[in-house]
Amino acid sequence: MMIQVKTASGGYPIYLERGGLSRVGEWLNLNRRVLVVTDSGVPAAYAETVAACCAQPTVVTVPQGETSKSLSTLTLLLEALVNNGFTRTDCIVAIGGGVVGDLSGFAASMFMRGLDFYNVPTTVLSQVDSSIGGKTAVDFMGLKNIVGTFYPPKAVVIDPDTLSTLPARQISNGLAEAVKMSLTGDATLFSLFETADLTDSAVLDEIIYRSLLIKKQVVEQDEHEAGLRKVLNFGHTLAHAVESVYDMETYYHGECVAIGMVPMCAPSVRSRLLAVLERLNLPTTLTGGAEQLLEACRHDKKATGDTITTVYVPHIGEFEFRNINFAALEALIKEATE
């Protein structure tokens, strides 16, 4: 199945197919120099499959984890491009999760003012969310995604078969982002999380597909997050603060989003959300750290003066933007901490 994202900058196709990894040579222009970027946690066979389709591949494997989302790792990719004679007619392919995708897309946006960039996400989190939309970034001075660009991919290839090697915690981690999108825009999708067999591959495919449609519709209307796209930040105000304060292995990104969504819902929504998060074995509260979390929120890109723009869900499938002051935010943070 192919989903076409149409934006002011031109748009791009998303190929969603089980076994799609073996078809990248059909869908992507790899008859040139290709920097294949992956990480140590991704099965090497995935990068090898893509490299075999490339005319002149160079494979770079970065260490697994959020610590690779840094200026020093970005420099390693740029050095690989220079040392291997890449030009503006060549490209980068990211194979992995959100870290690899964000890092590779940022490198592509910078080198010679822009190389073609393809994304092949291999985690639930990146397949339902971060692989599309064109956000690229690295972390800096302990702040998540604070240095980056908008640089959409030329194409995205999503093969749900690559999820078979993921541990259960990583599956739940990614599904938290799909829950987020269902709460703000698709009540039918939310009902799947309440009643469907989440171990069924057909159900997982439907979740990925419906999540992609939600993000596609948002990105098409607001590519550079001038307005509507901020809805995708539901749960992320507190989530990014948690990521800044806590070790990345203590809480994964989706787990932080799960915690961040709970206080930003109406009580009737919250009760149903808590039941879904329990089904997915996702956390709903933190232990302490309220003061540190509030300070981290002050550095959030959505903060202006003494207020911050947040997303609130009054009913499942609906949302509101709310500008709240930091006193009110502090109360919400205390609500989410024990």
Protein backbone atom coordinates (compact mmCIF):
# COMPACT_ATOMS: atom_id res chain seq x y z
CA MET A 1 0.00 0.00 0.00
CA MET A 2 1.23 3.51 -0.79
CA ILE A 3 0.20 6.63 1.11
CA GLN A 4 1.05 9.94 -0.55
CA VAL A 5 1.92 12.88 1.68
CA LYS A 6 1.29 16.15 -0.16
CA THR A 7 2.91 19.27 1.27
CA ALA A 8 3.93 22.72 0.08
CA SER A 9 7.51 21.48 -0.27
CA GLY A 10 6.46 18.74 -2.67
CA GLY A 11 5.42 15.71 -0.65
CA TYR A 12 6.61 12.10 -0.69
CA PRO A 13 5.31 8.52 -0.75
CA ILE A 14 5.07 6.17 2.22
CA TYR A 15 5.28 2.52 1.22
CA LEU A 16 3.62 0.30 3.83
CA GLU A 17 4.03 -3.41 3.15
CA ARG A 18 5.11 -6.53 5.00
CA GLY A 19 8.30 -7.69 3.29
CA GLY A 20 8.83 -4.19 1.94
CA LEU A 21 12.46 -4.07 3.07
CA SER A 22 13.34 -6.41 0.21
CA ARG A 23 11.73 -4.01 -2.28
CA VAL A 24 13.66 -0.83 -1.46
CA GLY A 25 15.58 -1.17 -4.72
CA GLU A 26 12.28 -0.84 -6.61
CA TRP A 27 10.98 2.13 -4.66
CA LEU A 28 14.10 4.20 -3.91
CA ASN A 29 16.73 5.69 -6.22
CA LEU A 30 19.83 3.87 -4.94
CA ASN A 31 21.83 3.85 -8.17
CA ARG A 32 24.42 6.24 -6.71
CA ARG A 33 26.53 6.73 -3.59
CA VAL A 34 24.39 5.89 -0.58
CA LEU A 35 25.25 6.44 3.07
CA VAL A 36 23.34 3.71 4.91
CA VAL A 37 22.99 4.71 8.57
CA THR A 38 21.87 2.26 11.23
CA ASP A 39 22.58 1.55 14.89
CA SER A 40 24.04 -1.33 16.87
CA GLY A 41 20.62 -2.43 18.14
CA VAL A 42 19.19 -2.98 14.66
CA PRO A 43 19.75 -6.42 13.08
CA ALA A 44 22.71 -6.02 10.69
CA ALA A 45 20.77 -7.94 8.04
CA TYR A 46 18.46 -4.94 7.53
CA ALA A 47 21.30 -2.62 6.52
CA GLU A 48 22.88 -5.41 4.47
CA THR A 49 19.62 -5.88 2.55
CA VAL A 50 19.49 -2.19 1.67
CA ALA A 51 23.23 -1.97 0.91
CA ALA A 52 22.88 -4.84 -1.58
CA CYS A 53 20.46 -2.67 -3.57
CA CYS A 54 22.85 0.31 -3.73
CA ALA A 55 25.35 1.05 -6.50
CA GLN A 56 27.96 2.43 -4.07
CA PRO A 57 26.98 1.85 -0.43
CA THR A 58 28.80 3.06 2.67
CA VAL A 59 27.38 1.62 5.88
CA VAL A 60 27.79 3.53 9.16
CA THR A 61 26.62 1.94 12.41
CA VAL A 62 26.26 4.26 15.40
CA PRO A 63 25.82 3.12 19.01
CA GLN A 64 22.26 2.30 20.02
CA GLY A 65 20.43 4.80 22.21
CA GLU A 66 19.62 8.46 22.70
CA THR A 67 23.25 9.36 23.43
CA SER A 68 23.96 8.98 19.70
CA LYS A 69 21.58 11.84 18.98
CA SER A 70 24.38 14.33 19.46
CA LEU A 71 26.56 16.82 17.61
CA SER A 72 29.54 14.46 17.92
CA THR A 73 27.68 11.61 16.15
CA LEU A 74 26.36 14.06 13.58
CA THR A 75 29.97 15.02 12.88
CA LEU A 76 30.85 11.35 12.29
CA LEU A 77 28.19 11.14 9.59
CA LEU A 78 29.34 14.35 7.94
CA GLU A 79 32.93 13.07 7.99
CA ALA A 80 31.80 9.82 6.32
CA LEU A 81 30.12 11.84 3.58
CA VAL A 82 33.27 13.89 2.94
CA ASN A 83 35.70 10.96 3.19
CA ASN A 84 33.69 8.87 0.73
CA GLY A 85 33.34 11.59 -1.89
CA PHE A 86 29.60 12.22 -1.61
CA THR A 87 28.09 14.97 -3.78
CA ARG A 88 24.70 16.66 -3.95
CA THR A 89 23.46 13.96 -6.32
CA ASP A 90 23.92 11.22 -3.70
CA CYS A 91 21.71 10.24 -0.75
CA ILE A 92 21.36 8.97 2.80
CA VAL A 93 19.17 6.07 3.94
CA ALA A 94 18.28 5.72 7.62
CA ILE A 95 17.48 2.22 8.89
CA GLY A 96 16.39 2.10 12.50
CA GLY A 97 14.36 4.02 15.02
CA GLY A 98 13.79 7.69 15.68
CA VAL A 99 17.36 8.41 16.75
CA VAL A 100 18.81 7.14 13.48
CA GLY A 101 16.10 8.86 11.44
CA ASP A 102 16.46 12.24 13.14
CA LEU A 103 20.25 12.10 13.01
CA SER A 104 20.43 11.01 9.37
CA GLY A 105 17.83 13.52 8.23
CA PHE A 106 19.71 16.33 9.99
CA ALA A 107 22.98 15.29 8.29
CA ALA A 108 21.20 15.17 4.92
CA SER A 109 19.77 18.66 5.44
CA MET A 110 23.20 20.11 6.20
CA PHE A 111 25.61 18.44 3.78
CA MET A 112 26.10 20.60 0.68
CA ARG A 113 22.82 22.30 1.73
CA GLY A 114 20.81 19.18 1.12
CA LEU A 115 21.08 15.55 0.02
CA ASP A 116 18.18 13.23 -0.78
CA PHE A 117 17.09 11.41 2.36
CA TYR A 118 15.12 8.15 2.65
CA ASN A 119 13.75 6.75 5.89
CA VAL A 120 13.31 3.04 6.60
CA PRO A 121 11.94 2.93 10.17
CA THR A 122 12.24 -0.36 12.06
CA THR A 123 10.54 0.43 15.38
CA VAL A 124 6.86 0.95 16.14
CA LEU A 125 7.60 4.46 17.40
CA SER A 126 9.31 5.54 14.20
CA GLN A 127 6.83 3.76 11.93
CA VAL A 128 3.75 5.42 13.41
CA ASP A 129 5.26 8.83 14.05
CA SER A 130 8.81 10.11 13.71
CA SER A 131 9.64 8.75 10.23
CA ILE A 132 7.24 11.17 8.52
CA GLY A 133 6.76 14.89 8.89
CA GLY A 134 10.31 16.03 8.20
CA LYS A 135 11.47 16.91 11.71
CA THR A 136 15.19 16.29 12.22
CA ALA A 137 17.24 17.12 15.30
CA VAL A 138 19.90 16.29 17.84
CA ASP A 139 19.92 16.83 21.59
CA PHE A 140 22.15 19.56 23.03
CA MET A 141 23.14 20.57 26.57
CA GLY A 142 20.75 17.99 27.99
CA LEU A 143 17.78 19.39 26.04
CA LYS A 144 15.94 17.11 23.64
CA ASN A 145 15.62 18.06 19.94
CA ILE A 146 16.74 21.64 20.58
CA VAL A 147 18.98 21.82 17.48
CA GLY A 148 17.43 20.72 14.20
CA THR A 149 15.71 21.44 10.91
CA PHE A 150 12.56 20.66 8.94
CA TYR A 151 13.74 18.40 6.12
CA PRO A 152 11.21 15.92 4.69
CA PRO A 153 12.33 12.56 3.30
CA LYS A 154 12.09 11.74 -0.40
CA ALA A 155 10.28 8.52 0.55
CA VAL A 156 9.55 6.30 3.55
CA VAL A 157 9.49 2.48 3.51
CA ILE A 158 7.62 0.82 6.40
CA ASP A 159 7.92 -2.94 6.73
CA PRO A 160 6.04 -4.19 9.84
CA ASP A 161 7.97 -7.48 9.61
CA THR A 162 11.01 -5.62 10.99
CA LEU A 163 9.13 -5.27 14.29
CA SER A 164 9.34 -9.01 14.96
CA THR A 165 12.77 -8.66 16.60
CA LEU A 166 11.64 -5.98 19.07
CA PRO A 167 11.11 -6.75 22.79
CA ALA A 168 7.62 -6.21 24.21
CA ARG A 169 8.68 -3.02 26.01
CA GLN A 170 9.72 -1.42 22.70
CA ILE A 171 6.42 -2.39 21.08
CA SER A 172 4.47 -0.72 23.90
CA ASN A 173 6.82 2.26 23.76
CA GLY A 174 5.88 2.88 20.13
CA LEU A 175 2.19 2.22 20.59
CA ALA A 176 2.05 5.07 23.12
CA GLU A 177 2.43 7.49 20.20
CA ALA A 178 -0.42 5.78 18.35
CA VAL A 179 -2.57 6.09 21.48
CA LYS A 180 -1.68 9.79 21.49
CA MET A 181 -2.92 10.27 17.95
CA SER A 182 -6.08 8.27 18.56
CA LEU A 183 -7.00 10.44 21.54
CA THR A 184 -6.74 13.66 19.55
CA GLY A 185 -8.11 12.51 16.22
CA ASP A 186 -9.52 8.97 15.87
CA ALA A 187 -11.95 7.50 18.39
CA THR A 188 -12.18 4.30 16.33
CA LEU A 189 -8.44 3.77 16.63
CA PHE A 190 -8.65 4.31 20.39
CA SER A 191 -11.32 1.63 20.61
CA LEU A 192 -8.88 -0.84 19.04
CA PHE A 193 -6.55 -0.28 21.99
CA GLU A 194 -9.43 -0.96 24.35
CA THR A 195 -10.82 -4.14 22.78
CA ALA A 196 -8.59 -5.64 20.04
CA ASP A 197 -5.95 -8.34 20.35
CA LEU A 198 -2.83 -6.18 20.25
CA THR A 199 -0.64 -9.22 19.53
CA ASP A 200 -2.46 -9.84 16.23
CA SER A 201 -0.30 -8.71 13.29
CA ALA A 202 -3.37 -7.56 11.35
CA VAL A 203 -4.37 -5.31 14.27
CA LEU A 204 -0.85 -3.89 14.44
CA ASP A 205 -0.93 -3.16 10.70
CA GLU A 206 -4.26 -1.35 11.12
CA ILE A 207 -2.85 0.72 14.00
CA ILE A 208 0.18 1.72 11.92
CA TYR A 209 -1.99 2.59 8.92
CA ARG A 210 -4.53 4.67 10.85
CA SER A 211 -1.74 6.47 12.74
CA LEU A 212 -0.03 7.35 9.46
CA LEU A 213 -3.27 8.77 8.08
CA ILE A 214 -3.67 11.02 11.11
CA LYS A 215 -0.12 12.35 10.90
CA LYS A 216 -0.35 12.74 7.11
CA GLN A 217 -3.46 14.90 7.42
CA VAL A 218 -1.86 17.09 10.08
CA VAL A 219 1.47 17.51 8.27
CA GLU A 220 -0.25 18.32 4.98
CA GLN A 221 -2.08 21.22 6.62
CA ASP A 222 0.82 22.48 8.73
CA GLU A 223 4.22 21.23 7.61
CA HIS A 224 6.32 23.55 9.78
CA GLU A 225 4.29 23.47 13.01
CA ALA A 226 2.85 26.97 12.71
CA GLY A 227 -0.49 25.89 14.17
CA LEU A 228 -2.39 22.61 13.81
CA ARG A 229 0.72 20.40 13.89
CA LYS A 230 1.19 21.32 17.54
CA VAL A 231 -1.58 18.78 18.23
CA LEU A 232 1.09 16.09 17.75
CA ASN A 233 2.70 17.44 20.91
CA PHE A 234 -0.12 16.09 23.06
CA GLY A 235 1.54 14.66 26.16
CA HIS A 236 4.95 15.91 25.05
CA THR A 237 5.30 18.99 27.26
CA LEU A 238 5.78 16.81 30.30
CA ALA A 239 7.31 13.97 28.27
CA HIS A 240 10.24 16.06 27.03
CA ALA A 241 10.80 17.34 30.56
CA VAL A 242 10.95 13.76 31.84
CA GLU A 243 13.48 12.92 29.14
CA SER A 244 15.62 15.88 30.17
CA VAL A 245 15.58 14.93 33.86
CA TYR A 246 15.64 11.14 33.83
CA ASP A 247 18.04 8.66 32.25
CA MET A 248 16.85 7.55 28.81
CA GLU A 249 16.92 3.91 29.86
CA THR A 250 14.74 4.64 32.89
CA TYR A 251 11.94 5.88 30.67
CA TYR A 252 11.70 5.42 26.91
CA HIS A 253 10.15 8.20 24.83
CA GLY A 254 6.75 6.56 24.50
CA GLU A 255 6.69 5.84 28.22
CA CYS A 256 7.32 9.54 28.85
CA VAL A 257 4.46 10.41 26.50
CA ALA A 258 2.19 8.01 28.38
CA ILE A 259 2.95 9.80 31.64
CA GLY A 260 2.55 13.20 29.97
CA MET A 261 -0.89 12.46 28.50
CA VAL A 262 -2.59 11.49 31.76
CA PRO A 263 -2.94 14.97 33.36
CA MET A 264 -3.90 16.58 30.03
CA CYS A 265 -7.25 14.78 29.66
CA ALA A 266 -10.74 15.35 30.99
CA PRO A 267 -11.56 12.96 33.88
CA SER A 268 -13.85 10.80 31.72
CA VAL A 269 -11.11 10.42 29.12
CA ARG A 270 -8.44 9.80 31.73
CA SER A 271 -10.21 6.77 33.18
CA ARG A 272 -10.32 5.08 29.77
CA LEU A 273 -6.74 6.13 28.97
CA LEU A 274 -5.42 4.65 32.21
CA ALA A 275 -7.05 1.32 31.34
CA VAL A 276 -5.39 1.32 27.90
CA LEU A 277 -1.98 2.25 29.32
CA GLU A 278 -2.34 -0.60 31.78
CA ARG A 279 -3.08 -3.01 28.88
CA LEU A 280 0.12 -1.82 27.23
CA ASN A 281 2.20 -2.03 30.45
CA LEU A 282 3.01 1.68 30.18
CA PRO A 283 3.72 3.91 33.21
CA THR A 284 1.24 6.57 34.30
CA THR A 285 3.07 8.42 37.10
CA LEU A 286 6.58 9.39 38.22
CA THR A 287 8.23 9.27 41.61
CA GLY A 288 9.24 12.81 42.62
CA GLY A 289 11.23 15.36 40.61
CA ALA A 290 8.43 17.93 40.17
CA GLU A 291 10.74 20.95 40.57
CA GLN A 292 13.26 19.68 38.03
CA LEU A 293 10.50 18.86 35.58
CA LEU A 294 9.05 22.36 35.82
CA GLU A 295 12.45 23.90 35.15
CA ALA A 296 12.92 21.69 32.10
CA CYS A 297 9.51 22.79 30.78
CA ARG A 298 10.69 26.41 30.84
CA HIS A 299 13.12 25.47 28.03
CA ASP A 300 10.36 23.91 25.92
CA LYS A 301 10.08 25.32 22.38
CA LYS A 302 6.37 25.95 23.00
CA ALA A 303 7.04 28.24 25.99
CA THR A 304 6.57 31.99 25.59
CA GLY A 305 7.32 34.16 28.59
CA ASP A 306 5.40 32.78 31.56
CA THR A 307 3.01 30.64 29.50
CA ILE A 308 3.22 27.48 27.46
CA THR A 309 0.96 26.07 24.75
CA THR A 310 -0.42 22.64 25.65
CA VAL A 311 -2.87 20.20 24.08
CA TYR A 312 -5.90 19.08 26.10
CA VAL A 313 -8.35 16.25 25.26
CA PRO A 314 -11.91 16.96 26.46
CA HIS A 315 -13.42 13.97 24.56
CA ILE A 316 -11.79 11.03 22.79
CA GLY A 317 -11.07 12.02 19.22
CA GLU A 318 -11.11 15.77 19.99
CA PHE A 319 -8.55 18.29 21.26
CA GLU A 320 -8.10 21.88 22.38
CA PHE A 321 -5.04 24.12 22.48
CA ARG A 322 -4.65 25.72 25.88
CA ASN A 323 -2.17 28.41 26.87
CA ILE A 324 -1.46 27.89 30.54
CA ASN A 325 0.88 29.66 32.92
CA PHE A 326 3.66 27.88 34.75
CA ALA A 327 1.77 27.92 38.04
CA ALA A 328 -0.97 25.84 36.43
CA LEU A 329 1.64 23.65 34.75
CA GLU A 330 3.30 23.06 38.11
CA ALA A 331 -0.01 21.78 39.46
CA LEU A 332 -0.33 19.37 36.54
CA ILE A 333 3.22 18.14 37.03
CA LYS A 334 2.56 17.49 40.73
CA GLU A 335 -0.55 15.56 39.65
CA ALA A 336 1.68 13.29 37.55
CA THR A 337 4.28 12.72 40.28
CA GLU A 338 3.89 10.77 43.47
